[in-house]
Amino acid sequence: MAIGPVLARLDRALSAVEAGFVAAAMAAASLLLFVNVILRYVFLSALSWAEEVTMYLIVWLVFVGGSVTLRMFGHISIDLLPLALPPGGARRLKLFVSCAMLIFFAAFFYYSGLHTLRVMTTGQLTPVLEAPMWLTYLAMPVGSLLMGIRTAQILYRTASAARDDASRPSTLAD
């Protein structure tokens, strides 16, 4: 079995999990905020834990959503230089930027993982729910791992396209 179809299936599965999580977390946070506003201003009695849960859901949304956005090339970028470069130069720039991003996400994964473990060993709890605080901090290494996977995909696709272009015979139209 070729590696390409396996990677494509893994990509689809990861994308489905990410999109499902982001949709569910966004819906839950929105519903919880809406219900809490109604309870607070109509019935003068709010849920004490709603703001805390919403805040932690948004933290997870930011990190997992960053991976979804990276996969769809939705992050803000300045494309003046790549547009000014010839195709080969633009591809090399994309490879360089992808490598730099991969190094950043690897470092962020490592240090956020250490921090999450440190918080886990302290036994720190959230203020209202008294849930383990490390569950919130876990969003950082999980999100950086997901974004690192997406960056590796971009790097692989860019390198594959460069390899394919290099193996193609050149014509006068090129």
Protein backbone atom coordinates (compact mmCIF):
# COMPACT_ATOMS: atom_id res chain seq x y z
CA MET A 1 0.00 0.00 0.00
CA ALA A 2 1.33 3.43 -0.95
CA ILE A 3 1.94 6.01 1.76
CA GLY A 4 -0.09 8.71 -0.03
CA PRO A 5 -3.56 7.17 0.44
CA VAL A 6 -2.78 6.33 4.08
CA LEU A 7 -1.72 9.91 4.77
CA ALA A 8 -4.82 11.20 2.99
CA ARG A 9 -7.09 9.03 5.17
CA LEU A 10 -5.28 10.14 8.33
CA ASP A 11 -5.62 13.77 7.22
CA ARG A 12 -9.37 13.36 6.66
CA ALA A 13 -9.81 11.66 10.04
CA LEU A 14 -7.79 14.33 11.88
CA SER A 15 -9.68 17.07 10.04
CA ALA A 16 -13.01 15.55 11.02
CA VAL A 17 -11.99 15.30 14.69
CA GLU A 18 -10.66 18.86 14.73
CA ALA A 19 -13.71 20.32 12.98
CA GLY A 20 -16.08 18.34 15.20
CA PHE A 21 -14.31 19.48 18.34
CA VAL A 22 -14.20 23.12 17.25
CA ALA A 23 -17.90 23.07 16.27
CA ALA A 24 -18.97 21.38 19.51
CA ALA A 25 -16.84 23.65 21.70
CA MET A 26 -18.06 26.78 19.92
CA ALA A 27 -21.68 25.66 20.20
CA ALA A 28 -21.28 24.75 23.88
CA ALA A 29 -19.55 28.03 24.75
CA SER A 30 -22.14 30.08 22.86
CA LEU A 31 -25.08 28.24 24.39
CA LEU A 32 -23.60 28.45 27.86
CA LEU A 33 -22.99 32.19 27.55
CA PHE A 34 -26.50 32.75 26.17
CA VAL A 35 -28.17 30.75 28.94
CA ASN A 36 -26.08 32.47 31.59
CA VAL A 37 -26.99 35.94 30.29
CA ILE A 38 -30.69 35.03 30.33
CA LEU A 39 -30.39 33.60 33.84
CA ARG A 40 -28.47 36.63 35.10
CA TYR A 41 -30.62 39.41 33.63
CA VAL A 42 -34.06 37.81 33.52
CA PHE A 43 -34.03 35.55 36.59
CA LEU A 44 -31.29 37.40 38.54
CA SER A 45 -29.50 34.12 39.18
CA ALA A 46 -26.45 33.12 37.10
CA LEU A 47 -24.57 29.85 36.92
CA SER A 48 -21.40 30.36 38.95
CA TRP A 49 -19.35 28.00 36.81
CA ALA A 50 -20.49 29.12 33.35
CA GLU A 51 -17.87 31.83 32.81
CA GLU A 52 -15.06 29.54 33.91
CA VAL A 53 -16.12 26.72 31.58
CA THR A 54 -16.62 29.16 28.70
CA MET A 55 -13.18 30.67 29.21
CA TYR A 56 -11.48 27.26 29.22
CA LEU A 57 -13.46 26.15 26.15
CA ILE A 58 -12.25 29.26 24.34
CA VAL A 59 -8.64 28.46 25.28
CA TRP A 60 -9.07 25.03 23.67
CA LEU A 61 -10.83 26.61 20.69
CA VAL A 62 -7.88 28.92 20.06
CA PHE A 63 -5.31 26.13 19.99
CA VAL A 64 -7.30 23.49 18.09
CA GLY A 65 -8.80 26.17 15.85
CA GLY A 66 -5.28 27.34 15.03
CA SER A 67 -4.63 23.94 13.51
CA VAL A 68 -7.85 24.05 11.49
CA THR A 69 -6.97 27.53 10.26
CA LEU A 70 -3.43 26.46 9.36
CA ARG A 71 -4.78 23.54 7.34
CA MET A 72 -7.01 25.91 5.35
CA PHE A 73 -4.24 28.53 4.93
CA GLY A 74 -6.43 30.99 6.83
CA HIS A 75 -3.77 32.66 8.95
CA ILE A 76 -2.77 36.20 8.10
CA SER A 77 0.28 36.32 5.87
CA ILE A 78 2.17 38.91 3.90
CA ASP A 79 2.44 37.68 0.35
CA LEU A 80 4.32 40.57 -1.25
CA LEU A 81 7.68 38.76 -1.30
CA PRO A 82 6.37 35.38 -2.56
CA LEU A 83 4.47 37.18 -5.34
CA ALA A 84 7.60 39.10 -6.36
CA LEU A 85 9.78 35.99 -6.48
CA PRO A 86 9.96 33.54 -9.38
CA PRO A 87 8.11 30.23 -8.70
CA GLY A 88 11.27 28.42 -7.57
CA GLY A 89 12.20 31.22 -5.17
CA ALA A 90 8.66 31.39 -3.80
CA ARG A 91 8.73 27.62 -3.22
CA ARG A 92 12.10 27.83 -1.43
CA LEU A 93 10.74 30.65 0.73
CA LYS A 94 7.69 28.54 1.58
CA LEU A 95 9.98 25.63 2.51
CA PHE A 96 12.08 27.90 4.71
CA VAL A 97 9.03 29.40 6.44
CA SER A 98 7.52 25.94 6.96
CA CYS A 99 10.78 24.69 8.50
CA ALA A 100 10.89 27.71 10.83
CA MET A 101 7.27 27.11 11.83
CA LEU A 102 7.97 23.43 12.47
CA ILE A 103 10.89 24.34 14.74
CA PHE A 104 8.70 26.85 16.59
CA PHE A 105 5.87 24.35 17.10
CA ALA A 106 8.33 21.69 18.28
CA ALA A 107 9.81 24.09 20.84
CA PHE A 108 6.36 25.27 21.90
CA PHE A 109 5.20 21.66 22.28
CA TYR A 110 8.21 20.83 24.43
CA TYR A 111 8.02 23.83 26.74
CA SER A 112 4.24 23.88 27.04
CA GLY A 113 4.35 20.16 27.80
CA LEU A 114 6.87 20.79 30.58
CA HIS A 115 4.68 23.57 31.94
CA THR A 116 1.58 21.37 31.82
CA LEU A 117 3.43 18.63 33.72
CA ARG A 118 4.59 21.19 36.29
CA VAL A 119 0.99 22.37 36.83
CA MET A 120 -0.12 18.73 37.08
CA THR A 121 2.39 18.01 39.85
CA THR A 122 1.28 21.05 41.87
CA GLY A 123 -2.30 19.84 41.96
CA GLN A 124 -3.60 23.30 41.03
CA LEU A 125 -7.39 23.46 40.64
CA THR A 126 -9.69 25.85 38.81
CA PRO A 127 -11.30 28.42 41.12
CA VAL A 128 -14.99 27.54 40.80
CA LEU A 129 -15.25 23.97 39.52
CA GLU A 130 -12.10 22.82 41.29
CA ALA A 131 -11.18 20.79 38.20
CA PRO A 132 -7.52 20.02 37.54
CA MET A 133 -5.96 23.12 35.99
CA TRP A 134 -3.60 21.04 33.86
CA LEU A 135 -6.58 20.14 31.66
CA THR A 136 -6.70 23.76 30.53
CA TYR A 137 -2.93 23.98 30.05
CA LEU A 138 -3.04 20.76 28.03
CA ALA A 139 -4.53 22.80 25.17
CA MET A 140 -1.07 24.26 24.49
CA PRO A 141 0.87 21.04 23.79
CA VAL A 142 -2.12 19.48 22.00
CA GLY A 143 -2.62 22.55 19.83
CA SER A 144 1.07 22.90 19.03
CA LEU A 145 1.25 19.20 18.13
CA LEU A 146 -1.72 19.59 15.78
CA MET A 147 -0.27 22.75 14.23
CA GLY A 148 3.08 20.98 13.87
CA ILE A 149 1.37 18.13 12.03
CA ARG A 150 -0.34 20.63 9.71
CA THR A 151 2.96 22.43 9.11
CA ALA A 152 4.66 19.10 8.31
CA GLN A 153 1.90 18.45 5.78
CA ILE A 154 2.54 21.82 4.13
CA LEU A 155 6.27 21.10 4.10
CA TYR A 156 5.71 17.64 2.57
CA ARG A 157 3.35 18.97 -0.12
CA THR A 158 5.67 21.85 -1.01
CA ALA A 159 8.71 19.56 -1.20
CA SER A 160 6.75 17.01 -3.24
CA ALA A 161 5.60 19.70 -5.68
CA ALA A 162 9.21 20.90 -6.04
CA ARG A 163 10.39 17.34 -6.66
CA ASP A 164 7.63 16.78 -9.22
CA ASP A 165 8.48 20.02 -11.01
CA ALA A 166 12.18 19.15 -11.06
CA SER A 167 11.51 15.74 -12.62
CA ARG A 168 9.23 17.18 -15.31
CA PRO A 169 11.00 17.89 -18.59
CA SER A 170 11.34 21.57 -19.26
CA THR A 171 9.76 23.11 -22.34
CA LEU A 172 10.05 26.45 -24.06
CA ALA A 173 6.76 27.45 -22.37
CA ASP A 174 8.40 27.16 -18.91
